[in-house]
Amino acid sequence: YRHTKACRFGASGARAELRPVENGFVEGRHCTVLSGGGCVSSRDGGLTSTIRDYSKFLVALFDRGVVPGSRKRLFSEASAEILLTNHCAKVAGLRPDGAPNICAHNRKGVGLNMMGEVQLEGCEPDKNCLWFDGVPGMVQWGGAATTFYKYQFVNGRPLLLIVFSQVLPQDDGRSCSANFKRMRAWAEAQPPPRQAARAARL
């Protein structure tokens, strides 16, 4: 469904309403991948994974390719490095002070890698911290219909928040950011994990 006022999508033009989206696939030739939206296309969209699988993929990525809970490797460390590299810096280079010459969304301190946005030193937070809270080290991405993830390594602990939904109108990010703020406050209040403390001593 599409939440719209537009007459061209079958609404009245006066107020927003949910209108069914016509599937562009011909019966018998439709995509065989099931998803929350019923099909896979740039127009119709829809979730094509589960929180369990998506979280395992993200944790493996941020652990440089190692599958969580095992020693098996999903992809190489070099591949993980490419996926997590700030491509704004790669494309336009760095200034003498080390900051990228260009930033994502023309927002100071925001980089872009293949997995989403990266908050860098000097990131400008949103008013009321709706999506960008200005804390360096955050990797995040927001998709359509209120599907988000945020990841950050805080006080020796990897924190990952995923929100999967198919809700329109879309949330502006404030609920995701507020929940991650609580997670970060909890992690900062804890003593560092043993491994992190040992690494710090070494």
C-alpha atoms as a PDB file:
ATOM      1  CA  TYR A   1       0.000   0.000   0.000  1.00  0.00           C
ATOM      2  CA  ARG A   2       1.006   3.607  -0.583  1.00  0.00           C
ATOM      3  CA  HIS A   3       0.082   6.398   1.881  1.00  0.00           C
ATOM      4  CA  THR A   4      -0.720   9.287  -0.445  1.00  0.00           C
ATOM      5  CA  LYS A   5      -3.009  12.207  -1.319  1.00  0.00           C
ATOM      6  CA  ALA A   6      -2.217  12.017  -5.041  1.00  0.00           C
ATOM      7  CA  CYS A   7      -5.121  11.470  -7.445  1.00  0.00           C
ATOM      8  CA  ARG A   8      -2.842   9.594  -9.850  1.00  0.00           C
ATOM      9  CA  PHE A   9      -2.550   6.841  -7.225  1.00  0.00           C
ATOM     10  CA  GLY A  10      -6.311   6.717  -6.632  1.00  0.00           C
ATOM     11  CA  ALA A  11      -6.610   9.082  -3.652  1.00  0.00           C
ATOM     12  CA  SER A  12      -8.971  12.054  -3.481  1.00  0.00           C
ATOM     13  CA  GLY A  13      -6.287  14.748  -3.482  1.00  0.00           C
ATOM     14  CA  ALA A  14      -7.749  16.237  -0.309  1.00  0.00           C
ATOM     15  CA  ARG A  15      -6.408  13.929   2.396  1.00  0.00           C
ATOM     16  CA  ALA A  16      -3.849  11.156   2.687  1.00  0.00           C
ATOM     17  CA  GLU A  17      -5.143   7.616   2.503  1.00  0.00           C
ATOM     18  CA  LEU A  18      -3.808   4.101   1.968  1.00  0.00           C
ATOM     19  CA  ARG A  19      -4.097   3.053  -1.663  1.00  0.00           C
ATOM     20  CA  PRO A  20      -3.163  -0.410  -3.006  1.00  0.00           C
ATOM     21  CA  VAL A  21      -0.030  -0.475  -5.135  1.00  0.00           C
ATOM     22  CA  GLU A  22      -0.460  -2.157  -8.499  1.00  0.00           C
ATOM     23  CA  ASN A  23       2.108  -4.883  -8.978  1.00  0.00           C
ATOM     24  CA  GLY A  24       4.242  -4.309 -12.077  1.00  0.00           C
ATOM     25  CA  PHE A  25       4.925  -8.041 -12.473  1.00  0.00           C
ATOM     26  CA  VAL A  26       2.849 -10.114 -14.867  1.00  0.00           C
ATOM     27  CA  GLU A  27       1.133 -13.162 -13.366  1.00  0.00           C
ATOM     28  CA  GLY A  28       3.343 -16.192 -13.903  1.00  0.00           C
ATOM     29  CA  ARG A  29       6.466 -14.058 -14.261  1.00  0.00           C
ATOM     30  CA  HIS A  30       6.448 -12.505 -10.798  1.00  0.00           C
ATOM     31  CA  CYS A  31       9.536 -12.449  -8.588  1.00  0.00           C
ATOM     32  CA  THR A  32       9.925 -15.666  -6.602  1.00  0.00           C
ATOM     33  CA  VAL A  33      11.507 -13.860  -3.613  1.00  0.00           C
ATOM     34  CA  LEU A  34       8.841 -13.312  -0.936  1.00  0.00           C
ATOM     35  CA  SER A  35       8.949 -10.105   1.071  1.00  0.00           C
ATOM     36  CA  GLY A  36       6.931  -7.877   3.354  1.00  0.00           C
ATOM     37  CA  GLY A  37       5.714  -5.876   0.383  1.00  0.00           C
ATOM     38  CA  GLY A  38       4.787  -8.996  -1.565  1.00  0.00           C
ATOM     39  CA  CYS A  39       7.400  -8.542  -4.281  1.00  0.00           C
ATOM     40  CA  VAL A  40      10.837  -7.135  -4.971  1.00  0.00           C
ATOM     41  CA  SER A  41      11.124  -4.071  -7.186  1.00  0.00           C
ATOM     42  CA  SER A  42      12.393  -0.541  -6.853  1.00  0.00           C
ATOM     43  CA  ARG A  43       8.824   0.729  -6.910  1.00  0.00           C
ATOM     44  CA  ASP A  44       7.000  -1.747  -4.701  1.00  0.00           C
ATOM     45  CA  GLY A  45       9.769  -2.524  -2.212  1.00  0.00           C
ATOM     46  CA  GLY A  46       9.335  -4.704   0.860  1.00  0.00           C
ATOM     47  CA  LEU A  47      11.424  -6.521   3.460  1.00  0.00           C
ATOM     48  CA  THR A  48      13.264  -9.553   2.110  1.00  0.00           C
ATOM     49  CA  SER A  49      15.002 -10.803   5.256  1.00  0.00           C
ATOM     50  CA  THR A  50      14.384 -11.480   8.944  1.00  0.00           C
ATOM     51  CA  ILE A  51      15.755  -9.613  11.949  1.00  0.00           C
ATOM     52  CA  ARG A  52      17.672 -12.774  12.904  1.00  0.00           C
ATOM     53  CA  ASP A  53      19.433 -13.087   9.540  1.00  0.00           C
ATOM     54  CA  TYR A  54      19.994  -9.348   9.114  1.00  0.00           C
ATOM     55  CA  SER A  55      21.463  -9.018  12.613  1.00  0.00           C
ATOM     56  CA  LYS A  56      23.764 -12.022  12.025  1.00  0.00           C
ATOM     57  CA  PHE A  57      24.951 -10.429   8.789  1.00  0.00           C
ATOM     58  CA  LEU A  58      25.581  -7.041  10.440  1.00  0.00           C
ATOM     59  CA  VAL A  59      27.368  -8.564  13.449  1.00  0.00           C
ATOM     60  CA  ALA A  60      29.560 -10.598  11.068  1.00  0.00           C
ATOM     61  CA  LEU A  61      30.290  -7.448   9.077  1.00  0.00           C
ATOM     62  CA  PHE A  62      31.290  -5.399  12.121  1.00  0.00           C
ATOM     63  CA  ASP A  63      33.369  -8.367  13.337  1.00  0.00           C
ATOM     64  CA  ARG A  64      35.276  -8.161  10.034  1.00  0.00           C
ATOM     65  CA  GLY A  65      33.514 -11.085   8.365  1.00  0.00           C
ATOM     66  CA  VAL A  66      33.337 -13.715  11.137  1.00  0.00           C
ATOM     67  CA  VAL A  67      29.927 -15.354  11.727  1.00  0.00           C
ATOM     68  CA  PRO A  68      28.714 -14.678  15.296  1.00  0.00           C
ATOM     69  CA  GLY A  69      29.091 -17.616  17.675  1.00  0.00           C
ATOM     70  CA  SER A  70      31.487 -19.473  15.404  1.00  0.00           C
ATOM     71  CA  ARG A  71      34.909 -19.262  13.834  1.00  0.00           C
ATOM     72  CA  LYS A  72      33.443 -19.508  10.352  1.00  0.00           C
ATOM     73  CA  ARG A  73      34.003 -16.639   7.968  1.00  0.00           C
ATOM     74  CA  LEU A  74      31.113 -15.278   5.895  1.00  0.00           C
ATOM     75  CA  PHE A  75      33.378 -13.004   3.841  1.00  0.00           C
ATOM     76  CA  SER A  76      36.981 -11.852   3.911  1.00  0.00           C
ATOM     77  CA  GLU A  77      38.354  -9.163   6.176  1.00  0.00           C
ATOM     78  CA  ALA A  78      39.278  -7.210   3.040  1.00  0.00           C
ATOM     79  CA  SER A  79      35.639  -7.302   1.877  1.00  0.00           C
ATOM     80  CA  ALA A  80      34.457  -6.066   5.275  1.00  0.00           C
ATOM     81  CA  GLU A  81      36.987  -3.246   5.073  1.00  0.00           C
ATOM     82  CA  ILE A  82      35.654  -2.188   1.656  1.00  0.00           C
ATOM     83  CA  LEU A  83      32.044  -2.265   2.918  1.00  0.00           C
ATOM     84  CA  LEU A  84      32.901  -0.110   5.956  1.00  0.00           C
ATOM     85  CA  THR A  85      35.244   2.396   4.274  1.00  0.00           C
ATOM     86  CA  ASN A  86      34.058   6.013   4.183  1.00  0.00           C
ATOM     87  CA  HIS A  87      33.755   6.470   0.426  1.00  0.00           C
ATOM     88  CA  CYS A  88      33.305  10.239   0.701  1.00  0.00           C
ATOM     89  CA  ALA A  89      36.953  10.371   1.768  1.00  0.00           C
ATOM     90  CA  LYS A  90      37.958   7.907  -0.954  1.00  0.00           C
ATOM     91  CA  VAL A  91      36.204   9.878  -3.706  1.00  0.00           C
ATOM     92  CA  ALA A  92      37.249  13.423  -2.833  1.00  0.00           C
ATOM     93  CA  GLY A  93      40.269  12.961  -0.575  1.00  0.00           C
ATOM     94  CA  LEU A  94      41.072  14.623   2.735  1.00  0.00           C
ATOM     95  CA  ARG A  95      41.763  18.188   3.831  1.00  0.00           C
ATOM     96  CA  PRO A  96      45.013  19.059   5.610  1.00  0.00           C
ATOM     97  CA  ASP A  97      43.237  18.618   8.962  1.00  0.00           C
ATOM     98  CA  GLY A  98      42.227  15.040   7.996  1.00  0.00           C
ATOM     99  CA  ALA A  99      38.523  15.787   7.410  1.00  0.00           C
ATOM    100  CA  PRO A 100      36.945  14.615   4.125  1.00  0.00           C
ATOM    101  CA  ASN A 101      36.582  17.214   1.364  1.00  0.00           C
ATOM    102  CA  ILE A 102      32.934  16.208   0.883  1.00  0.00           C
ATOM    103  CA  CYS A 103      30.304  14.891   3.287  1.00  0.00           C
ATOM    104  CA  ALA A 104      27.157  12.838   2.773  1.00  0.00           C
ATOM    105  CA  HIS A 105      23.906  14.815   2.454  1.00  0.00           C
ATOM    106  CA  ASN A 106      26.050  18.003   2.542  1.00  0.00           C
ATOM    107  CA  ARG A 107      26.104  17.574   6.334  1.00  0.00           C
ATOM    108  CA  LYS A 108      29.357  18.263   8.137  1.00  0.00           C
ATOM    109  CA  GLY A 109      30.870  15.183   9.748  1.00  0.00           C
ATOM    110  CA  VAL A 110      28.748  12.575   7.951  1.00  0.00           C
ATOM    111  CA  GLY A 111      30.431   9.959   5.775  1.00  0.00           C
ATOM    112  CA  LEU A 112      28.929   7.257   3.624  1.00  0.00           C
ATOM    113  CA  ASN A 113      29.991   3.643   3.285  1.00  0.00           C
ATOM    114  CA  MET A 114      28.307   0.718   1.540  1.00  0.00           C
ATOM    115  CA  MET A 115      26.293  -0.065   4.677  1.00  0.00           C
ATOM    116  CA  GLY A 116      25.001   3.439   5.364  1.00  0.00           C
ATOM    117  CA  GLU A 117      25.989   6.665   7.042  1.00  0.00           C
ATOM    118  CA  VAL A 118      28.985   7.119   9.339  1.00  0.00           C
ATOM    119  CA  GLN A 119      29.105   9.833  12.002  1.00  0.00           C
ATOM    120  CA  LEU A 120      32.616  11.316  12.053  1.00  0.00           C
ATOM    121  CA  GLU A 121      34.348  13.830  14.325  1.00  0.00           C
ATOM    122  CA  GLY A 122      32.526  17.144  14.034  1.00  0.00           C
ATOM    123  CA  CYS A 123      29.200  15.605  13.002  1.00  0.00           C
ATOM    124  CA  GLU A 124      26.401  18.139  13.322  1.00  0.00           C
ATOM    125  CA  PRO A 125      23.485  16.686  15.297  1.00  0.00           C
ATOM    126  CA  ASP A 126      19.901  17.219  14.219  1.00  0.00           C
ATOM    127  CA  LYS A 127      17.702  19.554  16.171  1.00  0.00           C
ATOM    128  CA  ASN A 128      16.368  17.318  18.984  1.00  0.00           C
ATOM    129  CA  CYS A 129      18.709  14.545  17.693  1.00  0.00           C
ATOM    130  CA  LEU A 130      16.035  13.021  15.493  1.00  0.00           C
ATOM    131  CA  TRP A 131      18.449  10.882  13.430  1.00  0.00           C
ATOM    132  CA  PHE A 132      21.991  12.277  13.635  1.00  0.00           C
ATOM    133  CA  ASP A 133      22.998  12.647  17.284  1.00  0.00           C
ATOM    134  CA  GLY A 134      26.537  13.870  16.560  1.00  0.00           C
ATOM    135  CA  VAL A 135      28.370  11.061  18.385  1.00  0.00           C
ATOM    136  CA  PRO A 136      31.382   9.894  16.300  1.00  0.00           C
ATOM    137  CA  GLY A 137      31.656   6.208  15.425  1.00  0.00           C
ATOM    138  CA  MET A 138      27.973   5.545  14.761  1.00  0.00           C
ATOM    139  CA  VAL A 139      27.156   3.577  11.593  1.00  0.00           C
ATOM    140  CA  GLN A 140      23.491   3.707  10.638  1.00  0.00           C
ATOM    141  CA  TRP A 141      20.974   3.398   7.842  1.00  0.00           C
ATOM    142  CA  GLY A 142      17.293   4.165   7.531  1.00  0.00           C
ATOM    143  CA  GLY A 143      15.186   2.513   4.870  1.00  0.00           C
ATOM    144  CA  ALA A 144      11.650   3.130   3.728  1.00  0.00           C
ATOM    145  CA  ALA A 145       8.627   2.290   5.875  1.00  0.00           C
ATOM    146  CA  THR A 146      10.436   2.750   9.221  1.00  0.00           C
ATOM    147  CA  THR A 147      13.185   0.146   8.892  1.00  0.00           C
ATOM    148  CA  PHE A 148      16.415   1.229  10.616  1.00  0.00           C
ATOM    149  CA  TYR A 149      19.653   0.019  12.121  1.00  0.00           C
ATOM    150  CA  LYS A 150      22.264   1.747  14.277  1.00  0.00           C
ATOM    151  CA  TYR A 151      25.621   0.292  15.362  1.00  0.00           C
ATOM    152  CA  GLN A 152      28.367   1.634  17.610  1.00  0.00           C
ATOM    153  CA  PHE A 153      31.196   0.207  19.700  1.00  0.00           C
ATOM    154  CA  VAL A 154      30.741   1.725  23.188  1.00  0.00           C
ATOM    155  CA  ASN A 155      32.971   1.104  26.215  1.00  0.00           C
ATOM    156  CA  GLY A 156      34.255  -2.190  24.824  1.00  0.00           C
ATOM    157  CA  ARG A 157      30.795  -3.405  23.803  1.00  0.00           C
ATOM    158  CA  PRO A 158      29.261  -3.643  20.314  1.00  0.00           C
ATOM    159  CA  LEU A 159      25.752  -2.186  20.347  1.00  0.00           C
ATOM    160  CA  LEU A 160      23.316  -2.973  17.533  1.00  0.00           C
ATOM    161  CA  LEU A 161      19.725  -1.770  17.275  1.00  0.00           C
ATOM    162  CA  ILE A 162      17.483  -2.953  14.428  1.00  0.00           C
ATOM    163  CA  VAL A 163      13.915  -1.870  13.755  1.00  0.00           C
ATOM    164  CA  PHE A 164      11.985  -3.835  11.114  1.00  0.00           C
ATOM    165  CA  SER A 165       8.559  -2.575  10.161  1.00  0.00           C
ATOM    166  CA  GLN A 166       6.396  -1.737   7.182  1.00  0.00           C
ATOM    167  CA  VAL A 167       4.740   1.442   8.456  1.00  0.00           C
ATOM    168  CA  LEU A 168       3.783   4.551   6.528  1.00  0.00           C
ATOM    169  CA  PRO A 169       3.966   7.459   7.075  1.00  0.00           C
ATOM    170  CA  GLN A 170       7.575   6.790   7.967  1.00  0.00           C
ATOM    171  CA  ASP A 171       9.032   7.533  11.400  1.00  0.00           C
ATOM    172  CA  ASP A 172      11.533  10.405  11.335  1.00  0.00           C
ATOM    173  CA  GLY A 173      14.114   8.402  13.294  1.00  0.00           C
ATOM    174  CA  ARG A 174      13.473   9.838  16.732  1.00  0.00           C
ATOM    175  CA  SER A 175      12.232   6.549  18.259  1.00  0.00           C
ATOM    176  CA  CYS A 176      15.298   4.656  16.983  1.00  0.00           C
ATOM    177  CA  SER A 177      17.676   7.385  18.188  1.00  0.00           C
ATOM    178  CA  ALA A 178      16.001   7.611  21.595  1.00  0.00           C
ATOM    179  CA  ASN A 179      16.282   3.858  22.128  1.00  0.00           C
ATOM    180  CA  PHE A 180      19.916   3.796  21.048  1.00  0.00           C
ATOM    181  CA  LYS A 181      20.657   6.674  23.435  1.00  0.00           C
ATOM    182  CA  ARG A 182      19.373   4.472  26.288  1.00  0.00           C
ATOM    183  CA  MET A 183      21.541   1.571  25.090  1.00  0.00           C
ATOM    184  CA  ARG A 184      24.609   3.824  24.941  1.00  0.00           C
ATOM    185  CA  ALA A 185      23.955   5.206  28.447  1.00  0.00           C
ATOM    186  CA  TRP A 186      23.714   1.640  29.789  1.00  0.00           C
ATOM    187  CA  ALA A 187      26.995   0.590  28.104  1.00  0.00           C
ATOM    188  CA  GLU A 188      28.820   3.690  29.370  1.00  0.00           C
ATOM    189  CA  ALA A 189      27.684   2.953  32.938  1.00  0.00           C
ATOM    190  CA  GLN A 190      29.057  -0.618  32.895  1.00  0.00           C
ATOM    191  CA  PRO A 191      32.623  -1.660  33.712  1.00  0.00           C
ATOM    192  CA  PRO A 192      34.534  -2.593  30.540  1.00  0.00           C
ATOM    193  CA  PRO A 193      34.311  -6.288  29.575  1.00  0.00           C
ATOM    194  CA  ARG A 194      37.260  -8.421  30.703  1.00  0.00           C
ATOM    195  CA  GLN A 195      38.679  -8.781  27.209  1.00  0.00           C
ATOM    196  CA  ALA A 196      38.551  -5.013  26.613  1.00  0.00           C
ATOM    197  CA  ALA A 197      40.154  -4.283  29.992  1.00  0.00           C
ATOM    198  CA  ARG A 198      42.905  -6.838  29.312  1.00  0.00           C
ATOM    199  CA  ALA A 199      43.534  -5.312  25.862  1.00  0.00           C
ATOM    200  CA  ALA A 200      43.794  -1.847  27.420  1.00  0.00           C
ATOM    201  CA  ARG A 201      46.441  -3.109  29.904  1.00  0.00           C
ATOM    202  CA  LEU A 202      48.429  -4.697  27.065  1.00  0.00           C
END
